[in-house]
């Protein structure tokens, strides 16, 4: 429910920005290429029938292609952006516990690939060659995981599964104009996302991944 309210708020803000801006005030478009790292703050956890254990996810690569459009002229930035990205993470769990009162050794591993599609609202200022900006947005994350899980009492299950989850983000960045049309910069984003659930050959969820985390990227962009 909170994520739905967040997404609705972002859409309303974007609509108000469009309505409040005169048609002749449009100034520029840009295209960014970003590459960096994904630093998860969430965990991967096994389902209850595998003991309900959890462990932090590993950091991985993050990249994104982004198109943006600024509605304003002058030093103020009020823009929308659309992004298509990719990030990778993985997680491993190996523990000894109990399953229905029986001592059990449990292990699970997953390699998770995520393709997020984002829509955002951006505001900022432009002073000389520098641009400072911040933004909020909504995300649709297409997730795929290859993994396996083993418990000494019930055997092994493995395979590949996918899930789609909704999310949101906040971000801030700084860029520097090399020329009138080319710029470089850095950006930090925090992703809020629902859990991605994976079954791997069973009818029940075997593992669940909390995909919340930071995305730290360098970028090169082109403006026209």
C-alpha atoms as a PDB file:
ATOM      1  CA  UNK A   1       0.000   0.000   0.000  1.00  0.00           C
ATOM      2  CA  UNK A   2       2.816   2.436   0.851  1.00  0.00           C
ATOM      3  CA  UNK A   3       4.542   1.664  -2.464  1.00  0.00           C
ATOM      4  CA  UNK A   4       1.290   2.275  -4.354  1.00  0.00           C
ATOM      5  CA  UNK A   5       0.851   5.669  -2.640  1.00  0.00           C
ATOM      6  CA  UNK A   6       4.475   6.559  -3.446  1.00  0.00           C
ATOM      7  CA  UNK A   7       3.984   5.676  -7.117  1.00  0.00           C
ATOM      8  CA  UNK A   8       0.689   7.576  -7.327  1.00  0.00           C
ATOM      9  CA  UNK A   9       2.356  10.650  -5.842  1.00  0.00           C
ATOM     10  CA  UNK A  10       5.157  10.551  -8.431  1.00  0.00           C
ATOM     11  CA  UNK A  11       2.661  10.311 -11.294  1.00  0.00           C
ATOM     12  CA  UNK A  12       0.642  13.250  -9.911  1.00  0.00           C
ATOM     13  CA  UNK A  13       3.808  15.362  -9.562  1.00  0.00           C
ATOM     14  CA  UNK A  14       4.832  14.620 -13.140  1.00  0.00           C
ATOM     15  CA  UNK A  15       1.348  15.507 -14.411  1.00  0.00           C
ATOM     16  CA  UNK A  16       1.347  18.810 -12.511  1.00  0.00           C
ATOM     17  CA  UNK A  17       4.769  19.649 -13.953  1.00  0.00           C
ATOM     18  CA  UNK A  18       3.475  19.073 -17.468  1.00  0.00           C
ATOM     19  CA  UNK A  19       0.362  21.177 -16.913  1.00  0.00           C
ATOM     20  CA  UNK A  20       2.191  24.026 -15.203  1.00  0.00           C
ATOM     21  CA  UNK A  21       4.835  24.492 -17.914  1.00  0.00           C
ATOM     22  CA  UNK A  22       4.132  26.663 -20.982  1.00  0.00           C
ATOM     23  CA  UNK A  23       4.666  24.794 -24.278  1.00  0.00           C
ATOM     24  CA  UNK A  24       7.306  27.287 -25.483  1.00  0.00           C
ATOM     25  CA  UNK A  25       9.401  26.829 -22.318  1.00  0.00           C
ATOM     26  CA  UNK A  26      10.845  23.491 -23.427  1.00  0.00           C
ATOM     27  CA  UNK A  27      14.613  23.652 -23.489  1.00  0.00           C
ATOM     28  CA  UNK A  28      16.420  20.404 -24.022  1.00  0.00           C
ATOM     29  CA  UNK A  29      16.606  16.651 -24.044  1.00  0.00           C
ATOM     30  CA  UNK A  30      19.448  14.433 -22.854  1.00  0.00           C
ATOM     31  CA  UNK A  31      20.599  10.839 -23.003  1.00  0.00           C
ATOM     32  CA  UNK A  32      22.730   9.307 -20.245  1.00  0.00           C
ATOM     33  CA  UNK A  33      24.848   6.165 -20.177  1.00  0.00           C
ATOM     34  CA  UNK A  34      25.527   5.057 -16.584  1.00  0.00           C
ATOM     35  CA  UNK A  35      27.730   2.341 -15.111  1.00  0.00           C
ATOM     36  CA  UNK A  36      28.650   1.527 -11.538  1.00  0.00           C
ATOM     37  CA  UNK A  37      27.723  -0.685  -8.636  1.00  0.00           C
ATOM     38  CA  UNK A  38      24.631  -1.980  -6.881  1.00  0.00           C
ATOM     39  CA  UNK A  39      25.018  -2.195  -3.091  1.00  0.00           C
ATOM     40  CA  UNK A  40      22.084  -4.119  -1.619  1.00  0.00           C
ATOM     41  CA  UNK A  41      20.765  -3.400   1.852  1.00  0.00           C
ATOM     42  CA  UNK A  42      18.321  -6.324   1.791  1.00  0.00           C
ATOM     43  CA  UNK A  43      18.660 -10.077   2.327  1.00  0.00           C
ATOM     44  CA  UNK A  44      17.982 -13.333   0.585  1.00  0.00           C
ATOM     45  CA  UNK A  45      15.926 -15.679   2.755  1.00  0.00           C
ATOM     46  CA  UNK A  46      14.805 -19.277   2.524  1.00  0.00           C
ATOM     47  CA  UNK A  47      11.169 -20.227   2.962  1.00  0.00           C
ATOM     48  CA  UNK A  48       9.895 -21.688   6.214  1.00  0.00           C
ATOM     49  CA  UNK A  49      10.100 -25.260   4.995  1.00  0.00           C
ATOM     50  CA  UNK A  50      13.841 -24.642   4.520  1.00  0.00           C
ATOM     51  CA  UNK A  51      14.171 -23.165   7.980  1.00  0.00           C
ATOM     52  CA  UNK A  52      13.418 -19.482   7.307  1.00  0.00           C
ATOM     53  CA  UNK A  53      17.087 -18.427   7.365  1.00  0.00           C
ATOM     54  CA  UNK A  54      18.409 -15.239   5.746  1.00  0.00           C
ATOM     55  CA  UNK A  55      21.662 -13.590   4.709  1.00  0.00           C
ATOM     56  CA  UNK A  56      22.683 -10.317   3.070  1.00  0.00           C
ATOM     57  CA  UNK A  57      22.893 -10.124  -0.720  1.00  0.00           C
ATOM     58  CA  UNK A  58      26.228  -9.468  -2.454  1.00  0.00           C
ATOM     59  CA  UNK A  59      27.121  -6.260  -4.305  1.00  0.00           C
ATOM     60  CA  UNK A  60      27.148  -6.384  -8.100  1.00  0.00           C
ATOM     61  CA  UNK A  61      27.267  -4.439 -11.365  1.00  0.00           C
ATOM     62  CA  UNK A  62      24.666  -1.784 -12.199  1.00  0.00           C
ATOM     63  CA  UNK A  63      24.102   0.053 -15.461  1.00  0.00           C
ATOM     64  CA  UNK A  64      21.385   2.198 -17.019  1.00  0.00           C
ATOM     65  CA  UNK A  65      20.364   3.983 -20.216  1.00  0.00           C
ATOM     66  CA  UNK A  66      18.270   7.076 -19.539  1.00  0.00           C
ATOM     67  CA  UNK A  67      16.395   9.651 -21.597  1.00  0.00           C
ATOM     68  CA  UNK A  68      15.408  12.961 -19.978  1.00  0.00           C
ATOM     69  CA  UNK A  69      13.462  16.049 -21.026  1.00  0.00           C
ATOM     70  CA  UNK A  70      13.727  19.430 -19.291  1.00  0.00           C
ATOM     71  CA  UNK A  71      10.637  21.633 -19.518  1.00  0.00           C
ATOM     72  CA  UNK A  72      12.297  24.876 -18.392  1.00  0.00           C
ATOM     73  CA  UNK A  73      14.779  27.369 -19.801  1.00  0.00           C
ATOM     74  CA  UNK A  74      17.320  29.204 -17.673  1.00  0.00           C
ATOM     75  CA  UNK A  75      19.102  27.885 -14.591  1.00  0.00           C
ATOM     76  CA  UNK A  76      16.186  25.874 -13.191  1.00  0.00           C
ATOM     77  CA  UNK A  77      15.667  22.215 -14.070  1.00  0.00           C
ATOM     78  CA  UNK A  78      12.231  20.580 -14.018  1.00  0.00           C
ATOM     79  CA  UNK A  79      12.300  17.387 -16.026  1.00  0.00           C
ATOM     80  CA  UNK A  80      11.018  13.863 -16.484  1.00  0.00           C
ATOM     81  CA  UNK A  81      13.237  10.889 -17.234  1.00  0.00           C
ATOM     82  CA  UNK A  82      12.742   7.332 -18.425  1.00  0.00           C
ATOM     83  CA  UNK A  83      15.369   4.691 -17.686  1.00  0.00           C
ATOM     84  CA  UNK A  84      16.091   1.107 -18.676  1.00  0.00           C
ATOM     85  CA  UNK A  85      18.704  -0.568 -16.522  1.00  0.00           C
ATOM     86  CA  UNK A  86      20.325  -3.785 -15.398  1.00  0.00           C
ATOM     87  CA  UNK A  87      21.843  -4.933 -12.132  1.00  0.00           C
ATOM     88  CA  UNK A  88      23.140  -8.199 -10.766  1.00  0.00           C
ATOM     89  CA  UNK A  89      23.345  -9.623  -7.284  1.00  0.00           C
ATOM     90  CA  UNK A  90      23.782 -13.015  -5.655  1.00  0.00           C
ATOM     91  CA  UNK A  91      23.415 -14.662  -2.297  1.00  0.00           C
ATOM     92  CA  UNK A  92      24.390 -17.841  -0.512  1.00  0.00           C
ATOM     93  CA  UNK A  93      23.085 -19.399   2.694  1.00  0.00           C
ATOM     94  CA  UNK A  94      24.662 -22.366   4.460  1.00  0.00           C
ATOM     95  CA  UNK A  95      23.444 -23.174   7.963  1.00  0.00           C
ATOM     96  CA  UNK A  96      22.644 -25.997  10.325  1.00  0.00           C
ATOM     97  CA  UNK A  97      19.283 -25.902  12.052  1.00  0.00           C
ATOM     98  CA  UNK A  98      16.135 -27.879  12.608  1.00  0.00           C
ATOM     99  CA  UNK A  99      13.248 -28.852  10.371  1.00  0.00           C
ATOM    100  CA  UNK A 100      10.190 -30.122  12.260  1.00  0.00           C
ATOM    101  CA  UNK A 101      12.443 -30.904  15.214  1.00  0.00           C
ATOM    102  CA  UNK A 102      15.026 -32.849  13.169  1.00  0.00           C
ATOM    103  CA  UNK A 103      18.625 -31.543  12.901  1.00  0.00           C
ATOM    104  CA  UNK A 104      19.082 -30.361   9.319  1.00  0.00           C
ATOM    105  CA  UNK A 105      21.859 -28.836   7.217  1.00  0.00           C
ATOM    106  CA  UNK A 106      20.499 -26.291   4.753  1.00  0.00           C
ATOM    107  CA  UNK A 107      22.150 -24.502   1.860  1.00  0.00           C
ATOM    108  CA  UNK A 108      20.774 -22.215  -0.824  1.00  0.00           C
ATOM    109  CA  UNK A 109      22.315 -20.022  -3.499  1.00  0.00           C
ATOM    110  CA  UNK A 110      20.965 -17.683  -6.132  1.00  0.00           C
ATOM    111  CA  UNK A 111      22.278 -15.529  -8.963  1.00  0.00           C
ATOM    112  CA  UNK A 112      19.782 -12.764  -9.602  1.00  0.00           C
ATOM    113  CA  UNK A 113      19.557 -10.546 -12.689  1.00  0.00           C
ATOM    114  CA  UNK A 114      17.200  -7.565 -12.633  1.00  0.00           C
ATOM    115  CA  UNK A 115      16.044  -5.264 -15.451  1.00  0.00           C
ATOM    116  CA  UNK A 116      14.368  -2.151 -13.986  1.00  0.00           C
ATOM    117  CA  UNK A 117      12.174   0.170 -16.042  1.00  0.00           C
ATOM    118  CA  UNK A 118      11.810   3.574 -14.368  1.00  0.00           C
ATOM    119  CA  UNK A 119       9.875   6.815 -14.730  1.00  0.00           C
ATOM    120  CA  UNK A 120      10.972   9.824 -12.701  1.00  0.00           C
ATOM    121  CA  UNK A 121      10.579  13.509 -11.927  1.00  0.00           C
ATOM    122  CA  UNK A 122      13.783  15.568 -11.631  1.00  0.00           C
ATOM    123  CA  UNK A 123      14.469  19.038 -10.250  1.00  0.00           C
ATOM    124  CA  UNK A 124      17.715  20.966 -10.005  1.00  0.00           C
ATOM    125  CA  UNK A 125      19.828  24.005 -10.820  1.00  0.00           C
ATOM    126  CA  UNK A 126      22.315  24.847 -13.562  1.00  0.00           C
ATOM    127  CA  UNK A 127      25.245  27.164 -12.805  1.00  0.00           C
ATOM    128  CA  UNK A 128      27.984  27.553 -15.404  1.00  0.00           C
ATOM    129  CA  UNK A 129      29.140  24.086 -16.458  1.00  0.00           C
ATOM    130  CA  UNK A 130      27.731  22.474 -13.286  1.00  0.00           C
ATOM    131  CA  UNK A 131      24.325  20.904 -12.764  1.00  0.00           C
ATOM    132  CA  UNK A 132      23.050  19.698  -9.386  1.00  0.00           C
ATOM    133  CA  UNK A 133      19.839  17.677  -9.368  1.00  0.00           C
ATOM    134  CA  UNK A 134      17.628  15.355  -7.370  1.00  0.00           C
ATOM    135  CA  UNK A 135      14.651  13.223  -8.234  1.00  0.00           C
ATOM    136  CA  UNK A 136      12.030  10.651  -7.312  1.00  0.00           C
ATOM    137  CA  UNK A 137      10.439   7.957  -9.412  1.00  0.00           C
ATOM    138  CA  UNK A 138       8.650   4.656  -9.789  1.00  0.00           C
ATOM    139  CA  UNK A 139      10.146   1.386 -11.007  1.00  0.00           C
ATOM    140  CA  UNK A 140       8.999  -1.893 -12.501  1.00  0.00           C
ATOM    141  CA  UNK A 141      11.614  -4.608 -11.911  1.00  0.00           C
ATOM    142  CA  UNK A 142      11.816  -7.750 -14.044  1.00  0.00           C
ATOM    143  CA  UNK A 143      13.775 -10.307 -12.003  1.00  0.00           C
ATOM    144  CA  UNK A 144      15.253 -13.682 -12.920  1.00  0.00           C
ATOM    145  CA  UNK A 145      17.123 -16.033 -10.612  1.00  0.00           C
ATOM    146  CA  UNK A 146      19.094 -19.221 -11.201  1.00  0.00           C
ATOM    147  CA  UNK A 147      19.476 -21.096  -7.963  1.00  0.00           C
ATOM    148  CA  UNK A 148      19.293 -24.185  -5.872  1.00  0.00           C
ATOM    149  CA  UNK A 149      18.368 -25.149  -2.353  1.00  0.00           C
ATOM    150  CA  UNK A 150      19.284 -28.269  -0.401  1.00  0.00           C
ATOM    151  CA  UNK A 151      18.130 -29.597   2.949  1.00  0.00           C
ATOM    152  CA  UNK A 152      19.521 -32.881   4.301  1.00  0.00           C
ATOM    153  CA  UNK A 153      16.027 -33.988   5.336  1.00  0.00           C
ATOM    154  CA  UNK A 154      14.125 -33.219   2.107  1.00  0.00           C
ATOM    155  CA  UNK A 155      16.680 -33.220  -0.719  1.00  0.00           C
ATOM    156  CA  UNK A 156      17.553 -30.693  -3.414  1.00  0.00           C
ATOM    157  CA  UNK A 157      15.572 -28.431  -5.696  1.00  0.00           C
ATOM    158  CA  UNK A 158      17.098 -26.216  -8.392  1.00  0.00           C
ATOM    159  CA  UNK A 159      16.217 -24.328 -11.513  1.00  0.00           C
ATOM    160  CA  UNK A 160      15.391 -20.888 -12.869  1.00  0.00           C
ATOM    161  CA  UNK A 161      12.436 -18.683 -12.023  1.00  0.00           C
ATOM    162  CA  UNK A 162      11.308 -15.100 -12.597  1.00  0.00           C
ATOM    163  CA  UNK A 163       9.224 -12.519 -10.780  1.00  0.00           C
ATOM    164  CA  UNK A 164       8.106  -8.939 -11.405  1.00  0.00           C
ATOM    165  CA  UNK A 165       7.969  -6.431  -8.552  1.00  0.00           C
ATOM    166  CA  UNK A 166       7.159  -2.754  -8.151  1.00  0.00           C
ATOM    167  CA  UNK A 167       9.453  -0.217  -6.545  1.00  0.00           C
ATOM    168  CA  UNK A 168      10.384   3.428  -6.213  1.00  0.00           C
ATOM    169  CA  UNK A 169      13.571   5.445  -5.982  1.00  0.00           C
ATOM    170  CA  UNK A 170      15.128   8.691  -4.830  1.00  0.00           C
ATOM    171  CA  UNK A 171      18.330  10.016  -6.377  1.00  0.00           C
ATOM    172  CA  UNK A 172      20.803  12.891  -6.447  1.00  0.00           C
ATOM    173  CA  UNK A 173      23.557  13.725  -8.899  1.00  0.00           C
ATOM    174  CA  UNK A 174      26.103  16.229 -10.138  1.00  0.00           C
ATOM    175  CA  UNK A 175      27.244  16.746 -13.727  1.00  0.00           C
ATOM    176  CA  UNK A 176      29.835  18.874 -15.507  1.00  0.00           C
ATOM    177  CA  UNK A 177      29.544  20.144 -19.098  1.00  0.00           C
ATOM    178  CA  UNK A 178      32.597  19.273 -21.203  1.00  0.00           C
ATOM    179  CA  UNK A 179      31.038  20.988 -24.222  1.00  0.00           C
ATOM    180  CA  UNK A 180      27.591  22.443 -24.914  1.00  0.00           C
ATOM    181  CA  UNK A 181      26.385  18.956 -25.831  1.00  0.00           C
ATOM    182  CA  UNK A 182      28.519  16.512 -23.822  1.00  0.00           C
ATOM    183  CA  UNK A 183      28.752  16.134 -20.057  1.00  0.00           C
ATOM    184  CA  UNK A 184      30.027  13.753 -17.391  1.00  0.00           C
ATOM    185  CA  UNK A 185      28.846  13.194 -13.853  1.00  0.00           C
ATOM    186  CA  UNK A 186      28.089  10.945 -10.913  1.00  0.00           C
ATOM    187  CA  UNK A 187      24.827   9.842  -9.367  1.00  0.00           C
ATOM    188  CA  UNK A 188      23.604   8.088  -6.221  1.00  0.00           C
ATOM    189  CA  UNK A 189      20.200   6.385  -6.170  1.00  0.00           C
ATOM    190  CA  UNK A 190      18.369   4.410  -3.514  1.00  0.00           C
ATOM    191  CA  UNK A 191      15.922   1.766  -4.693  1.00  0.00           C
ATOM    192  CA  UNK A 192      12.882   0.779  -2.640  1.00  0.00           C
ATOM    193  CA  UNK A 193      11.487  -2.508  -3.931  1.00  0.00           C
ATOM    194  CA  UNK A 194       9.199  -5.346  -3.014  1.00  0.00           C
ATOM    195  CA  UNK A 195      10.515  -8.867  -2.453  1.00  0.00           C
ATOM    196  CA  UNK A 196      11.164 -11.071  -5.487  1.00  0.00           C
ATOM    197  CA  UNK A 197      10.040 -14.674  -4.827  1.00  0.00           C
ATOM    198  CA  UNK A 198      11.499 -17.703  -6.591  1.00  0.00           C
ATOM    199  CA  UNK A 199      10.194 -21.300  -6.665  1.00  0.00           C
ATOM    200  CA  UNK A 200      12.876 -23.300  -8.538  1.00  0.00           C
ATOM    201  CA  UNK A 201      10.935 -26.379  -9.521  1.00  0.00           C
ATOM    202  CA  UNK A 202       8.389 -26.474  -6.691  1.00  0.00           C
ATOM    203  CA  UNK A 203       4.895 -25.089  -6.163  1.00  0.00           C
ATOM    204  CA  UNK A 204       6.029 -23.104  -3.136  1.00  0.00           C
ATOM    205  CA  UNK A 205       8.460 -20.219  -2.773  1.00  0.00           C
ATOM    206  CA  UNK A 206      11.960 -21.539  -2.031  1.00  0.00           C
ATOM    207  CA  UNK A 207      13.769 -18.210  -1.634  1.00  0.00           C
ATOM    208  CA  UNK A 208      12.872 -14.546  -1.440  1.00  0.00           C
ATOM    209  CA  UNK A 209      15.158 -11.601  -2.253  1.00  0.00           C
ATOM    210  CA  UNK A 210      14.769  -8.126  -0.760  1.00  0.00           C
ATOM    211  CA  UNK A 211      16.148  -5.889  -3.537  1.00  0.00           C
ATOM    212  CA  UNK A 212      16.358  -2.594  -1.627  1.00  0.00           C
ATOM    213  CA  UNK A 213      19.742  -0.979  -2.122  1.00  0.00           C
ATOM    214  CA  UNK A 214      22.033   1.801  -3.324  1.00  0.00           C
ATOM    215  CA  UNK A 215      23.113   2.363  -6.930  1.00  0.00           C
ATOM    216  CA  UNK A 216      26.292   4.408  -7.338  1.00  0.00           C
ATOM    217  CA  UNK A 217      27.162   5.279 -10.942  1.00  0.00           C
ATOM    218  CA  UNK A 218      29.403   7.390 -13.130  1.00  0.00           C
ATOM    219  CA  UNK A 219      27.773   8.732 -16.263  1.00  0.00           C
ATOM    220  CA  UNK A 220      28.434  10.311 -19.627  1.00  0.00           C
ATOM    221  CA  UNK A 221      25.618  12.213 -21.304  1.00  0.00           C
ATOM    222  CA  UNK A 222      24.628  13.933 -24.512  1.00  0.00           C
ATOM    223  CA  UNK A 223      22.357  16.986 -24.602  1.00  0.00           C
ATOM    224  CA  UNK A 224      20.473  18.560 -27.474  1.00  0.00           C
END
